[in-house]
Amino acid sequence: MIWWVSKARQLPEVVREAQPDVKYSTKEVAFWEKRAAEFTTDRDNVKLELDALNEYLQSLDDSMPTRQSSAERSEWFVVRLRSTG
């Protein structure tokens, strides 16, 4: 018998054995694609929340008076003491 005829007869057996592997691999790929989509959505939501918090923090920084140096505070206390005394 010619070798390729022998190999051709084995082909259905090889295909039958490979089908469960392909089926499992397809399910696994679908699972990981779904997980990747979920993580992308989660990341986008966290980024939106972070942007909102940074915007709020910036608005707080803009509304707060600037911090005075210790010399300015000391001067303020001296002026305050002189005006009351």
PDB file of N, CA and C in Angstrom:
ATOM      1  N   MET A   1       0.841  -1.169   0.000  1.00  0.00           N
ATOM      2  CA  MET A   1       0.000   0.000   0.000  1.00  0.00           C
ATOM      3  C   MET A   1       0.898   1.248   0.000  1.00  0.00           C
ATOM      4  N   ILE A   2       0.437   2.267  -0.673  1.00  0.00           N
ATOM      5  CA  ILE A   2       1.188   3.508  -0.750  1.00  0.00           C
ATOM      6  C   ILE A   2       1.007   4.243   0.574  1.00  0.00           C
ATOM      7  N   TRP A   3       2.064   4.908   1.044  1.00  0.00           N
ATOM      8  CA  TRP A   3       2.046   5.526   2.367  1.00  0.00           C
ATOM      9  C   TRP A   3       0.976   6.600   2.502  1.00  0.00           C
ATOM     10  N   TRP A   4       0.698   7.351   1.445  1.00  0.00           N
ATOM     11  CA  TRP A   4      -0.285   8.428   1.572  1.00  0.00           C
ATOM     12  C   TRP A   4      -1.701   7.899   1.670  1.00  0.00           C
ATOM     13  N   VAL A   5      -1.951   6.705   1.132  1.00  0.00           N
ATOM     14  CA  VAL A   5      -3.270   6.096   1.284  1.00  0.00           C
ATOM     15  C   VAL A   5      -3.472   5.722   2.758  1.00  0.00           C
ATOM     16  N   SER A   6      -2.432   5.195   3.361  1.00  0.00           N
ATOM     17  CA  SER A   6      -2.499   4.836   4.776  1.00  0.00           C
ATOM     18  C   SER A   6      -2.745   6.085   5.632  1.00  0.00           C
ATOM     19  N   LYS A   7      -2.058   7.155   5.311  1.00  0.00           N
ATOM     20  CA  LYS A   7      -2.247   8.407   6.051  1.00  0.00           C
ATOM     21  C   LYS A   7      -3.640   8.976   5.821  1.00  0.00           C
ATOM     22  N   ALA A   8      -4.153   8.858   4.627  1.00  0.00           N
ATOM     23  CA  ALA A   8      -5.493   9.363   4.315  1.00  0.00           C
ATOM     24  C   ALA A   8      -6.555   8.611   5.106  1.00  0.00           C
ATOM     25  N   ARG A   9      -6.348   7.328   5.345  1.00  0.00           N
ATOM     26  CA  ARG A   9      -7.301   6.540   6.125  1.00  0.00           C
ATOM     27  C   ARG A   9      -7.271   6.949   7.603  1.00  0.00           C
ATOM     28  N   GLN A  10      -6.154   7.445   8.079  1.00  0.00           N
ATOM     29  CA  GLN A  10      -6.032   7.867   9.473  1.00  0.00           C
ATOM     30  C   GLN A  10      -6.613   9.263   9.699  1.00  0.00           C
ATOM     31  N   LEU A  11      -6.839  10.007   8.652  1.00  0.00           N
ATOM     32  CA  LEU A  11      -7.302  11.386   8.770  1.00  0.00           C
ATOM     33  C   LEU A  11      -8.607  11.533   9.565  1.00  0.00           C
ATOM     34  N   PRO A  12      -9.657  10.739   9.291  1.00  0.00           N
ATOM     35  CA  PRO A  12     -10.883  10.911  10.094  1.00  0.00           C
ATOM     36  C   PRO A  12     -10.649  10.697  11.593  1.00  0.00           C
ATOM     37  N   GLU A  13      -9.780   9.766  11.943  1.00  0.00           N
ATOM     38  CA  GLU A  13      -9.475   9.513  13.348  1.00  0.00           C
ATOM     39  C   GLU A  13      -8.774  10.716  13.981  1.00  0.00           C
ATOM     40  N   VAL A  14      -7.856  11.323  13.263  1.00  0.00           N
ATOM     41  CA  VAL A  14      -7.134  12.492  13.765  1.00  0.00           C
ATOM     42  C   VAL A  14      -8.097  13.658  13.941  1.00  0.00           C
ATOM     43  N   VAL A  15      -9.001  13.856  12.975  1.00  0.00           N
ATOM     44  CA  VAL A  15      -9.972  14.940  13.055  1.00  0.00           C
ATOM     45  C   VAL A  15     -10.900  14.724  14.251  1.00  0.00           C
ATOM     46  N   ARG A  16     -11.353  13.512  14.455  1.00  0.00           N
ATOM     47  CA  ARG A  16     -12.246  13.183  15.558  1.00  0.00           C
ATOM     48  C   ARG A  16     -11.560  13.450  16.897  1.00  0.00           C
ATOM     49  N   GLU A  17     -10.279  13.134  17.001  1.00  0.00           N
ATOM     50  CA  GLU A  17      -9.556  13.367  18.248  1.00  0.00           C
ATOM     51  C   GLU A  17      -9.317  14.854  18.495  1.00  0.00           C
ATOM     52  N   ALA A  18      -9.188  15.635  17.434  1.00  0.00           N
ATOM     53  CA  ALA A  18      -8.884  17.063  17.579  1.00  0.00           C
ATOM     54  C   ALA A  18     -10.120  17.896  17.867  1.00  0.00           C
ATOM     55  N   GLN A  19     -11.304  17.394  17.556  1.00  0.00           N
ATOM     56  CA  GLN A  19     -12.515  18.185  17.724  1.00  0.00           C
ATOM     57  C   GLN A  19     -12.753  18.645  19.163  1.00  0.00           C
ATOM     58  N   PRO A  20     -12.609  17.806  20.180  1.00  0.00           N
ATOM     59  CA  PRO A  20     -12.794  18.309  21.550  1.00  0.00           C
ATOM     60  C   PRO A  20     -11.792  19.414  21.910  1.00  0.00           C
ATOM     61  N   ASP A  21     -10.560  19.294  21.434  1.00  0.00           N
ATOM     62  CA  ASP A  21      -9.563  20.334  21.714  1.00  0.00           C
ATOM     63  C   ASP A  21      -9.968  21.654  21.082  1.00  0.00           C
ATOM     64  N   VAL A  22     -10.457  21.603  19.864  1.00  0.00           N
ATOM     65  CA  VAL A  22     -10.876  22.815  19.168  1.00  0.00           C
ATOM     66  C   VAL A  22     -12.084  23.423  19.881  1.00  0.00           C
ATOM     67  N   LYS A  23     -13.022  22.553  20.283  1.00  0.00           N
ATOM     68  CA  LYS A  23     -14.215  23.027  20.977  1.00  0.00           C
ATOM     69  C   LYS A  23     -13.818  23.708  22.289  1.00  0.00           C
ATOM     70  N   TYR A  24     -12.908  23.098  23.047  1.00  0.00           N
ATOM     71  CA  TYR A  24     -12.452  23.682  24.311  1.00  0.00           C
ATOM     72  C   TYR A  24     -11.715  24.996  24.055  1.00  0.00           C
ATOM     73  N   SER A  25     -10.841  24.999  23.059  1.00  0.00           N
ATOM     74  CA  SER A  25     -10.079  26.211  22.750  1.00  0.00           C
ATOM     75  C   SER A  25     -11.002  27.347  22.341  1.00  0.00           C
ATOM     76  N   THR A  26     -12.038  27.040  21.588  1.00  0.00           N
ATOM     77  CA  THR A  26     -12.987  28.065  21.161  1.00  0.00           C
ATOM     78  C   THR A  26     -13.712  28.646  22.369  1.00  0.00           C
ATOM     79  N   LYS A  27     -14.127  27.790  23.296  1.00  0.00           N
ATOM     80  CA  LYS A  27     -14.792  28.264  24.515  1.00  0.00           C
ATOM     81  C   LYS A  27     -13.841  29.123  25.350  1.00  0.00           C
ATOM     82  N   GLU A  28     -12.591  28.690  25.437  1.00  0.00           N
ATOM     83  CA  GLU A  28     -11.621  29.434  26.229  1.00  0.00           C
ATOM     84  C   GLU A  28     -11.349  30.810  25.614  1.00  0.00           C
ATOM     85  N   VAL A  29     -11.241  30.873  24.307  1.00  0.00           N
ATOM     86  CA  VAL A  29     -11.028  32.161  23.632  1.00  0.00           C
ATOM     87  C   VAL A  29     -12.218  33.077  23.882  1.00  0.00           C
ATOM     88  N   ALA A  30     -13.420  32.547  23.782  1.00  0.00           N
ATOM     89  CA  ALA A  30     -14.617  33.354  24.024  1.00  0.00           C
ATOM     90  C   ALA A  30     -14.635  33.863  25.465  1.00  0.00           C
ATOM     91  N   PHE A  31     -14.256  33.004  26.409  1.00  0.00           N
ATOM     92  CA  PHE A  31     -14.204  33.398  27.818  1.00  0.00           C
ATOM     93  C   PHE A  31     -13.238  34.552  28.030  1.00  0.00           C
ATOM     94  N   TRP A  32     -12.022  34.440  27.478  1.00  0.00           N
ATOM     95  CA  TRP A  32     -11.018  35.481  27.691  1.00  0.00           C
ATOM     96  C   TRP A  32     -11.356  36.767  26.944  1.00  0.00           C
ATOM     97  N   GLU A  33     -12.015  36.658  25.812  1.00  0.00           N
ATOM     98  CA  GLU A  33     -12.452  37.868  25.108  1.00  0.00           C
ATOM     99  C   GLU A  33     -13.506  38.614  25.934  1.00  0.00           C
ATOM    100  N   LYS A  34     -14.410  37.854  26.554  1.00  0.00           N
ATOM    101  CA  LYS A  34     -15.428  38.464  27.412  1.00  0.00           C
ATOM    102  C   LYS A  34     -14.771  39.139  28.609  1.00  0.00           C
ATOM    103  N   ARG A  35     -13.817  38.463  29.231  1.00  0.00           N
ATOM    104  CA  ARG A  35     -13.112  39.036  30.388  1.00  0.00           C
ATOM    105  C   ARG A  35     -12.365  40.313  29.997  1.00  0.00           C
ATOM    106  N   ALA A  36     -11.725  40.302  28.835  1.00  0.00           N
ATOM    107  CA  ALA A  36     -10.991  41.484  28.373  1.00  0.00           C
ATOM    108  C   ALA A  36     -11.953  42.652  28.172  1.00  0.00           C
ATOM    109  N   ALA A  37     -13.128  42.382  27.626  1.00  0.00           N
ATOM    110  CA  ALA A  37     -14.123  43.439  27.431  1.00  0.00           C
ATOM    111  C   ALA A  37     -14.595  43.987  28.772  1.00  0.00           C
ATOM    112  N   GLU A  38     -14.792  43.115  29.760  1.00  0.00           N
ATOM    113  CA  GLU A  38     -15.206  43.563  31.096  1.00  0.00           C
ATOM    114  C   GLU A  38     -14.131  44.431  31.735  1.00  0.00           C
ATOM    115  N   PHE A  39     -12.879  44.013  31.621  1.00  0.00           N
ATOM    116  CA  PHE A  39     -11.788  44.793  32.210  1.00  0.00           C
ATOM    117  C   PHE A  39     -11.655  46.149  31.523  1.00  0.00           C
ATOM    118  N   THR A  40     -11.860  46.185  30.220  1.00  0.00           N
ATOM    119  CA  THR A  40     -11.788  47.455  29.499  1.00  0.00           C
ATOM    120  C   THR A  40     -12.883  48.396  29.980  1.00  0.00           C
ATOM    121  N   THR A  41     -14.096  47.867  30.152  1.00  0.00           N
ATOM    122  CA  THR A  41     -15.204  48.679  30.645  1.00  0.00           C
ATOM    123  C   THR A  41     -14.918  49.175  32.060  1.00  0.00           C
ATOM    124  N   ASP A  42     -14.415  48.285  32.915  1.00  0.00           N
ATOM    125  CA  ASP A  42     -14.075  48.675  34.287  1.00  0.00           C
ATOM    126  C   ASP A  42     -13.022  49.776  34.299  1.00  0.00           C
ATOM    127  N   ARG A  43     -11.988  49.616  33.469  1.00  0.00           N
ATOM    128  CA  ARG A  43     -10.923  50.611  33.405  1.00  0.00           C
ATOM    129  C   ARG A  43     -11.469  51.959  32.958  1.00  0.00           C
ATOM    130  N   ASP A  44     -12.350  51.954  31.958  1.00  0.00           N
ATOM    131  CA  ASP A  44     -12.936  53.201  31.473  1.00  0.00           C
ATOM    132  C   ASP A  44     -13.767  53.878  32.558  1.00  0.00           C
ATOM    133  N   ASN A  45     -14.535  53.091  33.316  1.00  0.00           N
ATOM    134  CA  ASN A  45     -15.347  53.655  34.401  1.00  0.00           C
ATOM    135  C   ASN A  45     -14.479  54.237  35.507  1.00  0.00           C
ATOM    136  N   VAL A  46     -13.406  53.565  35.853  1.00  0.00           N
ATOM    137  CA  VAL A  46     -12.505  54.060  36.891  1.00  0.00           C
ATOM    138  C   VAL A  46     -11.828  55.343  36.416  1.00  0.00           C
ATOM    139  N   LYS A  47     -11.470  55.392  35.147  1.00  0.00           N
ATOM    140  CA  LYS A  47     -10.854  56.611  34.607  1.00  0.00           C
ATOM    141  C   LYS A  47     -11.825  57.781  34.667  1.00  0.00           C
ATOM    142  N   LEU A  48     -13.094  57.550  34.336  1.00  0.00           N
ATOM    143  CA  LEU A  48     -14.091  58.621  34.429  1.00  0.00           C
ATOM    144  C   LEU A  48     -14.235  59.116  35.872  1.00  0.00           C
ATOM    145  N   GLU A  49     -14.255  58.179  36.815  1.00  0.00           N
ATOM    146  CA  GLU A  49     -14.375  58.547  38.221  1.00  0.00           C
ATOM    147  C   GLU A  49     -13.151  59.329  38.685  1.00  0.00           C
ATOM    148  N   LEU A  50     -11.976  58.889  38.277  1.00  0.00           N
ATOM    149  CA  LEU A  50     -10.749  59.595  38.638  1.00  0.00           C
ATOM    150  C   LEU A  50     -10.737  61.003  38.052  1.00  0.00           C
ATOM    151  N   ASP A  51     -11.161  61.148  36.807  1.00  0.00           N
ATOM    152  CA  ASP A  51     -11.221  62.477  36.191  1.00  0.00           C
ATOM    153  C   ASP A  51     -12.176  63.396  36.950  1.00  0.00           C
ATOM    154  N   ALA A  52     -13.322  62.856  37.360  1.00  0.00           N
ATOM    155  CA  ALA A  52     -14.288  63.659  38.126  1.00  0.00           C
ATOM    156  C   ALA A  52     -13.702  64.080  39.468  1.00  0.00           C
ATOM    157  N   LEU A  53     -13.017  63.158  40.146  1.00  0.00           N
ATOM    158  CA  LEU A  53     -12.406  63.494  41.437  1.00  0.00           C
ATOM    159  C   LEU A  53     -11.290  64.527  41.276  1.00  0.00           C
ATOM    160  N   ASN A  54     -10.491  64.393  40.236  1.00  0.00           N
ATOM    161  CA  ASN A  54      -9.432  65.375  40.003  1.00  0.00           C
ATOM    162  C   ASN A  54     -10.015  66.748  39.686  1.00  0.00           C
ATOM    163  N   GLU A  55     -11.099  66.774  38.947  1.00  0.00           N
ATOM    164  CA  GLU A  55     -11.760  68.044  38.638  1.00  0.00           C
ATOM    165  C   GLU A  55     -12.304  68.682  39.927  1.00  0.00           C
ATOM    166  N   TYR A  56     -12.905  67.873  40.790  1.00  0.00           N
ATOM    167  CA  TYR A  56     -13.423  68.376  42.065  1.00  0.00           C
ATOM    168  C   TYR A  56     -12.284  68.892  42.949  1.00  0.00           C
ATOM    169  N   LEU A  57     -11.195  68.155  43.008  1.00  0.00           N
ATOM    170  CA  LEU A  57     -10.040  68.578  43.797  1.00  0.00           C
ATOM    171  C   LEU A  57      -9.485  69.901  43.271  1.00  0.00           C
ATOM    172  N   GLN A  58      -9.427  70.043  41.962  1.00  0.00           N
ATOM    173  CA  GLN A  58      -8.950  71.292  41.380  1.00  0.00           C
ATOM    174  C   GLN A  58      -9.868  72.459  41.745  1.00  0.00           C
ATOM    175  N   SER A  59     -11.191  72.203  41.745  1.00  0.00           N
ATOM    176  CA  SER A  59     -12.125  73.273  42.125  1.00  0.00           C
ATOM    177  C   SER A  59     -11.946  73.659  43.593  1.00  0.00           C
ATOM    178  N   LEU A  60     -11.636  72.662  44.444  1.00  0.00           N
ATOM    179  CA  LEU A  60     -11.361  72.978  45.855  1.00  0.00           C
ATOM    180  C   LEU A  60     -10.077  73.789  45.989  1.00  0.00           C
ATOM    181  N   ASP A  61      -9.050  73.392  45.253  1.00  0.00           N
ATOM    182  CA  ASP A  61      -7.788  74.130  45.301  1.00  0.00           C
ATOM    183  C   ASP A  61      -7.972  75.568  44.830  1.00  0.00           C
ATOM    184  N   ASP A  62      -8.789  75.755  43.806  1.00  0.00           N
ATOM    185  CA  ASP A  62      -9.022  77.096  43.279  1.00  0.00           C
ATOM    186  C   ASP A  62      -9.817  77.963  44.257  1.00  0.00           C
ATOM    187  N   SER A  63     -10.698  77.350  45.039  1.00  0.00           N
ATOM    188  CA  SER A  63     -11.541  78.130  45.950  1.00  0.00           C
ATOM    189  C   SER A  63     -10.865  78.429  47.279  1.00  0.00           C
ATOM    190  N   MET A  64      -9.830  77.693  47.624  1.00  0.00           N
ATOM    191  CA  MET A  64      -9.138  77.911  48.886  1.00  0.00           C
ATOM    192  C   MET A  64      -8.158  79.062  48.759  1.00  0.00           C
ATOM    193  N   PRO A  65      -8.032  79.859  49.816  1.00  0.00           N
ATOM    194  CA  PRO A  65      -7.013  80.915  49.772  1.00  0.00           C
ATOM    195  C   PRO A  65      -5.626  80.288  49.799  1.00  0.00           C
ATOM    196  N   THR A  66      -4.701  81.017  49.297  1.00  0.00           N
ATOM    197  CA  THR A  66      -3.339  80.490  49.281  1.00  0.00           C
ATOM    198  C   THR A  66      -2.797  80.404  50.698  1.00  0.00           C
ATOM    199  N   ARG A  67      -1.952  79.458  50.906  1.00  0.00           N
ATOM    200  CA  ARG A  67      -1.376  79.253  52.249  1.00  0.00           C
ATOM    201  C   ARG A  67      -0.358  80.355  52.509  1.00  0.00           C
ATOM    202  N   GLN A  68      -0.453  80.908  53.683  1.00  0.00           N
ATOM    203  CA  GLN A  68       0.456  81.990  54.054  1.00  0.00           C
ATOM    204  C   GLN A  68       1.749  81.415  54.618  1.00  0.00           C
ATOM    205  N   SER A  69       2.805  82.138  54.395  1.00  0.00           N
ATOM    206  CA  SER A  69       4.074  81.726  54.986  1.00  0.00           C
ATOM    207  C   SER A  69       4.049  82.056  56.473  1.00  0.00           C
ATOM    208  N   SER A  70       4.994  81.531  57.201  1.00  0.00           N
ATOM    209  CA  SER A  70       5.024  81.785  58.649  1.00  0.00           C
ATOM    210  C   SER A  70       5.283  83.266  58.933  1.00  0.00           C
ATOM    211  N   ALA A  71       6.043  83.929  58.091  1.00  0.00           N
ATOM    212  CA  ALA A  71       6.299  85.359  58.297  1.00  0.00           C
ATOM    213  C   ALA A  71       5.009  86.157  58.128  1.00  0.00           C
ATOM    214  N   GLU A  72       4.217  85.799  57.145  1.00  0.00           N
ATOM    215  CA  GLU A  72       2.943  86.494  56.925  1.00  0.00           C
ATOM    216  C   GLU A  72       1.987  86.250  58.089  1.00  0.00           C
ATOM    217  N   ARG A  73       1.967  85.049  58.611  1.00  0.00           N
ATOM    218  CA  ARG A  73       1.110  84.751  59.758  1.00  0.00           C
ATOM    219  C   ARG A  73       1.559  85.530  60.978  1.00  0.00           C
ATOM    220  N   SER A  74       2.857  85.581  61.179  1.00  0.00           N
ATOM    221  CA  SER A  74       3.379  86.327  62.328  1.00  0.00           C
ATOM    222  C   SER A  74       3.007  87.794  62.217  1.00  0.00           C
ATOM    223  N   GLU A  75       3.149  88.348  61.035  1.00  0.00           N
ATOM    224  CA  GLU A  75       2.786  89.744  60.813  1.00  0.00           C
ATOM    225  C   GLU A  75       1.302  89.955  61.081  1.00  0.00           C
ATOM    226  N   TRP A  76       0.476  89.023  60.655  1.00  0.00           N
ATOM    227  CA  TRP A  76      -0.966  89.135  60.864  1.00  0.00           C
ATOM    228  C   TRP A  76      -1.283  89.149  62.354  1.00  0.00           C
ATOM    229  N   PHE A  77      -0.611  88.259  63.114  1.00  0.00           N
ATOM    230  CA  PHE A  77      -0.839  88.216  64.562  1.00  0.00           C
ATOM    231  C   PHE A  77      -0.382  89.519  65.228  1.00  0.00           C
ATOM    232  N   VAL A  78       0.734  90.057  64.815  1.00  0.00           N
ATOM    233  CA  VAL A  78       1.239  91.305  65.401  1.00  0.00           C
ATOM    234  C   VAL A  78       0.251  92.432  65.149  1.00  0.00           C
ATOM    235  N   VAL A  79      -0.237  92.543  63.913  1.00  0.00           N
ATOM    236  CA  VAL A  79      -1.202  93.584  63.567  1.00  0.00           C
ATOM    237  C   VAL A  79      -2.471  93.384  64.382  1.00  0.00           C
ATOM    238  N   ARG A  80      -2.888  92.160  64.514  1.00  0.00           N
ATOM    239  CA  ARG A  80      -4.119  91.842  65.259  1.00  0.00           C
ATOM    240  C   ARG A  80      -3.959  92.214  66.738  1.00  0.00           C
ATOM    241  N   LEU A  81      -2.806  91.911  67.325  1.00  0.00           N
ATOM    242  CA  LEU A  81      -2.556  92.223  68.733  1.00  0.00           C
ATOM    243  C   LEU A  81      -2.516  93.734  68.958  1.00  0.00           C
ATOM    244  N   ARG A  82      -1.894  94.459  68.062  1.00  0.00           N
ATOM    245  CA  ARG A  82      -1.798  95.917  68.206  1.00  0.00           C
ATOM    246  C   ARG A  82      -3.165  96.580  68.097  1.00  0.00           C
ATOM    247  N   SER A  83      -4.021  96.033  67.230  1.00  0.00           N
ATOM    248  CA  SER A  83      -5.338  96.649  67.046  1.00  0.00           C
ATOM    249  C   SER A  83      -6.246  96.386  68.247  1.00  0.00           C
ATOM    250  N   THR A  84      -6.038  95.317  68.972  1.00  0.00           N
ATOM    251  CA  THR A  84      -6.882  94.997  70.114  1.00  0.00           C
ATOM    252  C   THR A  84      -6.336  95.601  71.408  1.00  0.00           C
ATOM    253  N   GLY A  85      -5.069  95.932  71.440  1.00  0.00           N
ATOM    254  CA  GLY A  85      -4.432  96.325  72.685  1.00  0.00           C
ATOM    255  C   GLY A  85      -4.293  97.749  72.853  1.00  0.00           C
TER     256      GLY A  85
END
